């Protein structure tokens, strides 16, 4: 599995964190513009899925795939949004997103008394732990 990039948004749509590992193509726009575009698309997709679904789904929107990549989405009860782009063959990504939230975000952001949860994440320890988790995830190939 190849992991391309990760976005973390707060409940208001502000980009708290962005990281990339194997992103081969640039969007050609600024990071801020890209984040706004991503958040707007997520907002629209969530609304579309909830309105058009023939069943009452509890999870709602969690993933979409193209022929080139897959976008995986996790929204926490507090409104944090985690978006991970991977290759189309990625498996167990939902588990990885839960681990990023519970074992990296909660441990190194939420439990840090000097961090304001509304501010972008600048912690070097968070970055190191996230990178380690991504690289240790069982489905990530050594070539990634």
N, C-alpha and C. Protein backbone atom coordinates (compact mmCIF):
# COMPACT_ATOMS: atom_id res chain seq x y z
N UNK A 1 0.85 -1.18 0.00
CA UNK A 1 0.00 0.00 0.00
C UNK A 1 0.90 1.24 0.00
N UNK A 2 0.51 2.19 -0.78
CA UNK A 2 1.21 3.46 -0.79
C UNK A 2 0.31 4.51 -0.16
N UNK A 3 0.86 5.25 0.77
CA UNK A 3 0.13 6.36 1.39
C UNK A 3 0.68 7.64 0.79
N UNK A 4 -0.23 8.44 0.24
CA UNK A 4 0.19 9.67 -0.44
C UNK A 4 0.23 10.87 0.51
N UNK A 5 -0.88 11.15 1.19
CA UNK A 5 -0.91 12.32 2.06
C UNK A 5 -2.05 12.22 3.07
N UNK A 6 -1.97 13.12 4.06
CA UNK A 6 -2.94 13.16 5.15
C UNK A 6 -3.31 14.61 5.43
N UNK A 7 -4.61 14.85 5.60
CA UNK A 7 -5.12 16.14 6.05
C UNK A 7 -5.83 15.90 7.37
N UNK A 8 -5.69 16.85 8.30
CA UNK A 8 -6.49 16.84 9.52
C UNK A 8 -7.16 18.21 9.61
N UNK A 9 -8.50 18.21 9.64
CA UNK A 9 -9.29 19.43 9.74
C UNK A 9 -9.99 19.48 11.09
N UNK A 10 -10.20 20.68 11.63
CA UNK A 10 -11.02 20.80 12.83
C UNK A 10 -12.49 20.84 12.42
N UNK A 11 -13.38 20.96 13.39
CA UNK A 11 -14.82 20.91 13.10
C UNK A 11 -15.30 22.12 12.31
N UNK A 12 -14.47 23.15 12.23
CA UNK A 12 -14.85 24.35 11.49
C UNK A 12 -14.25 24.38 10.09
N UNK A 13 -13.50 23.36 9.73
CA UNK A 13 -12.92 23.28 8.39
C UNK A 13 -11.53 23.88 8.28
N UNK A 14 -10.92 24.23 9.40
CA UNK A 14 -9.56 24.77 9.37
C UNK A 14 -8.56 23.61 9.28
N UNK A 15 -7.59 23.76 8.41
CA UNK A 15 -6.56 22.74 8.28
C UNK A 15 -5.63 22.81 9.48
N UNK A 16 -5.61 21.73 10.27
CA UNK A 16 -4.75 21.66 11.44
C UNK A 16 -3.40 21.05 11.13
N UNK A 17 -3.39 20.14 10.14
CA UNK A 17 -2.14 19.44 9.84
C UNK A 17 -2.21 18.87 8.43
N UNK A 18 -1.07 18.88 7.77
CA UNK A 18 -0.94 18.25 6.46
C UNK A 18 0.42 17.58 6.40
N UNK A 19 0.47 16.38 5.86
CA UNK A 19 1.74 15.67 5.64
C UNK A 19 1.62 14.88 4.36
N UNK A 20 2.74 14.70 3.70
CA UNK A 20 2.73 13.84 2.52
C UNK A 20 3.94 12.93 2.56
N UNK A 21 3.77 11.76 1.96
CA UNK A 21 4.83 10.77 1.92
C UNK A 21 5.18 10.41 0.49
N UNK A 22 4.23 9.98 -0.27
CA UNK A 22 4.50 9.53 -1.64
C UNK A 22 3.57 10.23 -2.62
N UNK A 23 3.51 11.53 -2.54
CA UNK A 23 2.65 12.29 -3.45
C UNK A 23 3.48 12.65 -4.67
N UNK A 24 3.08 12.14 -5.80
CA UNK A 24 3.87 12.31 -7.01
C UNK A 24 3.46 13.52 -7.84
N UNK A 25 2.26 14.04 -7.64
CA UNK A 25 1.77 15.14 -8.46
C UNK A 25 1.33 16.29 -7.56
N UNK A 26 1.74 17.48 -7.93
CA UNK A 26 1.32 18.68 -7.20
C UNK A 26 -0.02 19.16 -7.75
N UNK A 27 -0.81 19.80 -6.89
CA UNK A 27 -2.11 20.29 -7.33
C UNK A 27 -1.99 21.57 -8.14
N UNK A 28 -0.88 22.27 -8.01
CA UNK A 28 -0.70 23.51 -8.74
C UNK A 28 -1.33 24.72 -8.07
N UNK A 29 -1.87 24.53 -6.87
CA UNK A 29 -2.44 25.63 -6.10
C UNK A 29 -1.79 25.65 -4.72
N UNK A 30 -2.01 26.72 -3.97
CA UNK A 30 -1.39 26.80 -2.65
C UNK A 30 -1.99 25.75 -1.71
N UNK A 31 -1.26 25.46 -0.66
CA UNK A 31 -1.74 24.50 0.35
C UNK A 31 -3.07 24.96 0.93
N UNK A 32 -3.21 26.26 1.20
CA UNK A 32 -4.45 26.81 1.76
C UNK A 32 -5.62 26.62 0.80
N UNK A 33 -5.39 26.91 -0.49
CA UNK A 33 -6.45 26.73 -1.49
C UNK A 33 -6.82 25.26 -1.63
N UNK A 34 -5.82 24.40 -1.62
CA UNK A 34 -6.06 22.96 -1.73
C UNK A 34 -6.87 22.47 -0.53
N UNK A 35 -6.53 22.95 0.66
CA UNK A 35 -7.25 22.54 1.87
C UNK A 35 -8.71 22.99 1.80
N UNK A 36 -8.96 24.21 1.35
CA UNK A 36 -10.34 24.69 1.22
C UNK A 36 -11.11 23.87 0.20
N UNK A 37 -10.46 23.54 -0.90
CA UNK A 37 -11.09 22.71 -1.93
C UNK A 37 -11.42 21.32 -1.38
N UNK A 38 -10.47 20.73 -0.64
CA UNK A 38 -10.68 19.41 -0.05
C UNK A 38 -11.83 19.43 0.95
N UNK A 39 -11.82 20.43 1.83
CA UNK A 39 -12.88 20.50 2.84
C UNK A 39 -14.25 20.71 2.19
N UNK A 40 -14.31 21.57 1.19
CA UNK A 40 -15.57 21.80 0.48
C UNK A 40 -16.09 20.53 -0.19
N UNK A 41 -15.17 19.77 -0.79
CA UNK A 41 -15.57 18.51 -1.42
C UNK A 41 -16.09 17.53 -0.37
N UNK A 42 -15.41 17.44 0.77
CA UNK A 42 -15.85 16.53 1.84
C UNK A 42 -17.24 16.93 2.35
N UNK A 43 -17.44 18.22 2.55
CA UNK A 43 -18.73 18.72 3.01
C UNK A 43 -19.84 18.33 2.02
N UNK A 44 -19.57 18.52 0.74
CA UNK A 44 -20.56 18.20 -0.30
C UNK A 44 -20.80 16.70 -0.39
N UNK A 45 -19.73 15.90 -0.34
CA UNK A 45 -19.89 14.44 -0.41
C UNK A 45 -20.69 13.90 0.77
N UNK A 46 -20.38 14.39 1.97
CA UNK A 46 -21.13 13.95 3.15
C UNK A 46 -22.61 14.26 3.00
N UNK A 47 -22.92 15.45 2.54
CA UNK A 47 -24.30 15.87 2.35
C UNK A 47 -24.97 15.01 1.28
N UNK A 48 -24.29 14.80 0.17
CA UNK A 48 -24.83 13.98 -0.92
C UNK A 48 -25.11 12.56 -0.45
N UNK A 49 -24.15 11.95 0.23
CA UNK A 49 -24.30 10.57 0.69
C UNK A 49 -25.47 10.44 1.66
N UNK A 50 -25.60 11.39 2.57
CA UNK A 50 -26.68 11.30 3.56
C UNK A 50 -28.05 11.49 2.91
N UNK A 51 -28.13 12.30 1.87
CA UNK A 51 -29.42 12.57 1.23
C UNK A 51 -29.82 11.52 0.21
N UNK A 52 -28.86 10.93 -0.48
CA UNK A 52 -29.17 10.04 -1.59
C UNK A 52 -29.17 8.56 -1.20
N UNK A 53 -28.63 8.24 -0.03
CA UNK A 53 -28.50 6.85 0.37
C UNK A 53 -29.88 6.19 0.51
N UNK A 54 -30.04 5.01 -0.08
CA UNK A 54 -31.31 4.29 0.03
C UNK A 54 -31.51 3.66 1.42
N UNK A 55 -30.44 3.60 2.19
CA UNK A 55 -30.51 3.01 3.53
C UNK A 55 -30.12 4.07 4.55
N UNK A 56 -30.55 3.87 5.77
CA UNK A 56 -30.14 4.76 6.86
C UNK A 56 -28.78 4.29 7.34
N UNK A 57 -27.74 4.91 6.82
CA UNK A 57 -26.39 4.47 7.19
C UNK A 57 -25.88 5.24 8.39
N UNK A 58 -25.28 4.53 9.30
CA UNK A 58 -24.71 5.15 10.50
C UNK A 58 -23.35 5.79 10.18
N UNK A 59 -22.56 5.13 9.34
CA UNK A 59 -21.22 5.61 9.04
C UNK A 59 -21.22 6.77 8.05
N UNK A 60 -22.16 6.78 7.12
CA UNK A 60 -22.15 7.82 6.10
C UNK A 60 -20.98 7.64 5.16
N UNK A 61 -20.39 8.74 4.75
CA UNK A 61 -19.28 8.73 3.80
C UNK A 61 -17.99 8.31 4.51
N UNK A 62 -17.31 7.28 4.00
CA UNK A 62 -16.05 6.84 4.58
C UNK A 62 -14.92 6.73 3.55
N UNK A 63 -15.25 6.62 2.26
CA UNK A 63 -14.20 6.38 1.27
C UNK A 63 -14.74 6.58 -0.13
N UNK A 64 -13.88 6.99 -1.04
CA UNK A 64 -14.19 6.87 -2.46
C UNK A 64 -12.92 6.47 -3.18
N UNK A 65 -13.10 5.83 -4.34
CA UNK A 65 -11.96 5.36 -5.12
C UNK A 65 -12.08 5.85 -6.55
N UNK A 66 -10.94 6.18 -7.12
CA UNK A 66 -10.83 6.45 -8.55
C UNK A 66 -9.96 5.34 -9.12
N UNK A 67 -9.61 5.43 -10.38
CA UNK A 67 -8.71 4.41 -10.93
C UNK A 67 -7.26 4.65 -10.55
N UNK A 68 -6.96 5.81 -9.91
CA UNK A 68 -5.58 6.15 -9.54
C UNK A 68 -5.32 6.20 -8.03
N UNK A 69 -6.33 6.52 -7.24
CA UNK A 69 -6.13 6.65 -5.80
C UNK A 69 -7.45 6.44 -5.07
N UNK A 70 -7.34 6.30 -3.74
CA UNK A 70 -8.53 6.20 -2.88
C UNK A 70 -8.42 7.26 -1.80
N UNK A 71 -9.53 7.88 -1.47
CA UNK A 71 -9.60 8.85 -0.38
C UNK A 71 -10.37 8.21 0.76
N UNK A 72 -9.77 8.17 1.94
CA UNK A 72 -10.38 7.56 3.12
C UNK A 72 -10.67 8.67 4.13
N UNK A 73 -11.82 8.57 4.78
CA UNK A 73 -12.31 9.66 5.62
C UNK A 73 -12.77 9.14 6.97
N UNK A 74 -12.33 9.81 8.02
CA UNK A 74 -12.78 9.50 9.37
C UNK A 74 -13.15 10.80 10.06
N UNK A 75 -14.37 10.85 10.58
CA UNK A 75 -14.79 12.01 11.37
C UNK A 75 -15.03 11.54 12.80
N UNK A 76 -14.41 12.23 13.73
CA UNK A 76 -14.53 11.87 15.15
C UNK A 76 -15.80 12.49 15.73
N UNK A 77 -16.23 12.02 16.89
CA UNK A 77 -17.42 12.61 17.53
C UNK A 77 -17.28 14.11 17.82
N UNK A 78 -16.04 14.59 17.95
CA UNK A 78 -15.83 16.02 18.22
C UNK A 78 -15.73 16.85 16.94
N UNK A 79 -15.86 16.20 15.79
CA UNK A 79 -15.87 16.92 14.52
C UNK A 79 -14.53 17.01 13.81
N UNK A 80 -13.48 16.40 14.36
CA UNK A 80 -12.21 16.35 13.65
C UNK A 80 -12.38 15.48 12.41
N UNK A 81 -11.72 15.88 11.35
CA UNK A 81 -11.81 15.13 10.10
C UNK A 81 -10.41 14.72 9.66
N UNK A 82 -10.22 13.42 9.48
CA UNK A 82 -8.96 12.87 9.02
C UNK A 82 -9.16 12.35 7.61
N UNK A 83 -8.32 12.78 6.68
CA UNK A 83 -8.42 12.39 5.28
C UNK A 83 -7.09 11.81 4.85
N UNK A 84 -7.10 10.57 4.39
CA UNK A 84 -5.87 9.90 3.98
C UNK A 84 -6.04 9.43 2.54
N UNK A 85 -5.13 9.84 1.68
CA UNK A 85 -5.13 9.40 0.29
C UNK A 85 -4.11 8.28 0.12
N UNK A 86 -4.56 7.19 -0.49
CA UNK A 86 -3.71 6.01 -0.68
C UNK A 86 -3.86 5.50 -2.10
N UNK A 87 -3.11 4.44 -2.41
CA UNK A 87 -3.36 3.77 -3.69
C UNK A 87 -4.68 3.01 -3.60
N UNK A 88 -5.18 2.55 -4.72
CA UNK A 88 -6.51 1.93 -4.76
C UNK A 88 -6.56 0.56 -4.09
N UNK A 89 -5.43 -0.08 -3.88
CA UNK A 89 -5.41 -1.42 -3.29
C UNK A 89 -5.26 -1.41 -1.77
N UNK A 90 -5.24 -0.25 -1.18
CA UNK A 90 -5.04 -0.13 0.26
C UNK A 90 -6.15 -0.85 1.04
N UNK A 91 -5.76 -1.52 2.10
CA UNK A 91 -6.70 -2.23 2.96
C UNK A 91 -6.47 -1.82 4.41
N UNK A 92 -7.50 -1.96 5.21
CA UNK A 92 -7.45 -1.66 6.64
C UNK A 92 -7.08 -0.20 6.93
N UNK A 93 -7.42 0.69 6.02
CA UNK A 93 -7.08 2.10 6.19
C UNK A 93 -7.93 2.72 7.30
N UNK A 94 -9.15 2.25 7.45
CA UNK A 94 -9.99 2.78 8.52
C UNK A 94 -9.34 2.51 9.88
N UNK A 95 -8.75 1.32 10.03
CA UNK A 95 -8.03 1.00 11.27
C UNK A 95 -6.84 1.95 11.46
N UNK A 96 -6.13 2.23 10.39
CA UNK A 96 -5.00 3.15 10.46
C UNK A 96 -5.47 4.54 10.87
N UNK A 97 -6.56 5.02 10.30
CA UNK A 97 -7.08 6.33 10.67
C UNK A 97 -7.47 6.38 12.14
N UNK A 98 -8.10 5.32 12.64
CA UNK A 98 -8.44 5.25 14.06
C UNK A 98 -7.18 5.27 14.94
N UNK A 99 -6.15 4.57 14.50
CA UNK A 99 -4.90 4.55 15.26
C UNK A 99 -4.22 5.92 15.24
N UNK A 100 -4.24 6.59 14.10
CA UNK A 100 -3.67 7.95 14.02
C UNK A 100 -4.40 8.86 15.00
N UNK A 101 -5.72 8.74 15.02
CA UNK A 101 -6.50 9.57 15.94
C UNK A 101 -6.19 9.22 17.40
N UNK A 102 -6.35 7.96 17.76
CA UNK A 102 -6.28 7.59 19.18
C UNK A 102 -4.86 7.51 19.73
N UNK A 103 -3.92 7.05 18.92
CA UNK A 103 -2.57 6.83 19.45
C UNK A 103 -1.57 7.94 19.13
N UNK A 104 -1.91 8.78 18.18
CA UNK A 104 -0.99 9.88 17.86
C UNK A 104 -1.64 11.22 18.20
N UNK A 105 -2.80 11.50 17.62
CA UNK A 105 -3.44 12.80 17.86
C UNK A 105 -3.81 12.99 19.33
N UNK A 106 -4.52 12.03 19.89
CA UNK A 106 -4.95 12.16 21.29
C UNK A 106 -3.73 12.22 22.22
N UNK A 107 -2.77 11.33 22.00
CA UNK A 107 -1.61 11.25 22.90
C UNK A 107 -0.70 12.46 22.81
N UNK A 108 -0.47 12.99 21.60
CA UNK A 108 0.55 14.02 21.45
C UNK A 108 0.00 15.42 21.15
N UNK A 109 -1.32 15.53 21.00
CA UNK A 109 -1.92 16.85 20.82
C UNK A 109 -2.91 17.12 21.95
N UNK A 110 -3.92 16.28 22.07
CA UNK A 110 -4.97 16.50 23.08
C UNK A 110 -4.40 16.48 24.50
N UNK A 111 -3.52 15.55 24.79
CA UNK A 111 -2.97 15.43 26.14
C UNK A 111 -1.82 16.39 26.42
N UNK A 112 -1.45 17.20 25.45
CA UNK A 112 -0.38 18.18 25.65
C UNK A 112 -1.00 19.46 26.21
N UNK A 113 -0.68 19.82 27.45
CA UNK A 113 -1.33 20.97 28.08
C UNK A 113 -1.00 22.32 27.45
N UNK A 114 0.06 22.42 26.68
CA UNK A 114 0.43 23.71 26.08
C UNK A 114 -0.15 23.90 24.68
N UNK A 115 -0.88 22.91 24.18
CA UNK A 115 -1.43 22.99 22.83
C UNK A 115 -2.85 23.55 22.86
N UNK A 116 -3.10 24.51 21.99
CA UNK A 116 -4.45 25.01 21.75
C UNK A 116 -5.02 24.18 20.61
N UNK A 117 -6.10 23.46 20.85
CA UNK A 117 -6.65 22.54 19.86
C UNK A 117 -7.17 23.21 18.60
N UNK A 118 -7.33 24.53 18.62
CA UNK A 118 -7.77 25.26 17.44
C UNK A 118 -6.61 25.67 16.54
N UNK A 119 -5.39 25.59 17.05
CA UNK A 119 -4.22 26.02 16.29
C UNK A 119 -3.68 24.87 15.44
N UNK A 120 -3.03 25.21 14.31
CA UNK A 120 -2.37 24.16 13.53
C UNK A 120 -1.36 23.41 14.39
N UNK A 121 -1.20 22.13 14.09
CA UNK A 121 -0.31 21.26 14.86
C UNK A 121 1.13 21.52 14.41
N UNK A 122 1.95 21.95 15.34
CA UNK A 122 3.36 22.26 15.05
C UNK A 122 4.32 21.32 15.78
N UNK A 123 3.79 20.43 16.59
CA UNK A 123 4.61 19.57 17.42
C UNK A 123 5.50 18.64 16.59
N UNK A 124 6.80 18.72 16.86
CA UNK A 124 7.75 17.84 16.18
C UNK A 124 7.55 16.39 16.64
N UNK A 125 7.20 16.20 17.91
CA UNK A 125 6.95 14.86 18.43
C UNK A 125 5.74 14.23 17.73
N UNK A 126 4.68 15.00 17.52
CA UNK A 126 3.51 14.52 16.78
C UNK A 126 3.95 14.06 15.39
N UNK A 127 4.72 14.89 14.72
CA UNK A 127 5.17 14.59 13.36
C UNK A 127 5.98 13.29 13.32
N UNK A 128 6.89 13.14 14.26
CA UNK A 128 7.75 11.95 14.32
C UNK A 128 6.91 10.70 14.59
N UNK A 129 5.99 10.78 15.55
CA UNK A 129 5.15 9.62 15.89
C UNK A 129 4.22 9.25 14.74
N UNK A 130 3.67 10.25 14.06
CA UNK A 130 2.80 9.99 12.91
C UNK A 130 3.59 9.31 11.80
N UNK A 131 4.75 9.86 11.49
CA UNK A 131 5.59 9.28 10.44
C UNK A 131 5.97 7.84 10.77
N UNK A 132 6.31 7.60 12.03
CA UNK A 132 6.64 6.24 12.46
C UNK A 132 5.46 5.29 12.31
N UNK A 133 4.26 5.77 12.67
CA UNK A 133 3.08 4.91 12.54
C UNK A 133 2.79 4.59 11.08
N UNK A 134 2.90 5.59 10.23
CA UNK A 134 2.65 5.38 8.79
C UNK A 134 3.64 4.35 8.24
N UNK A 135 4.89 4.50 8.59
CA UNK A 135 5.92 3.60 8.06
C UNK A 135 5.86 2.21 8.67
N UNK A 136 5.28 2.07 9.86
CA UNK A 136 5.17 0.77 10.52
C UNK A 136 3.87 0.04 10.20
N UNK A 137 2.93 0.73 9.56
CA UNK A 137 1.64 0.09 9.29
C UNK A 137 1.87 -1.15 8.45
N UNK A 138 1.31 -2.30 8.85
CA UNK A 138 1.61 -3.58 8.19
C UNK A 138 1.38 -3.60 6.68
N UNK A 139 0.41 -2.85 6.21
CA UNK A 139 0.09 -2.92 4.79
C UNK A 139 1.01 -2.04 3.94
N UNK A 140 1.83 -1.20 4.54
CA UNK A 140 2.70 -0.30 3.78
C UNK A 140 3.90 -1.09 3.31
N UNK A 141 4.11 -1.07 2.01
CA UNK A 141 5.24 -1.80 1.46
C UNK A 141 6.54 -1.09 1.81
N UNK A 142 7.63 -1.80 1.84
CA UNK A 142 8.93 -1.21 2.18
C UNK A 142 9.37 -0.20 1.11
N UNK A 143 8.83 -0.31 -0.09
CA UNK A 143 9.19 0.64 -1.15
C UNK A 143 8.53 1.98 -0.94
N UNK A 144 7.50 2.05 -0.10
CA UNK A 144 6.78 3.30 0.09
C UNK A 144 7.59 4.32 0.82
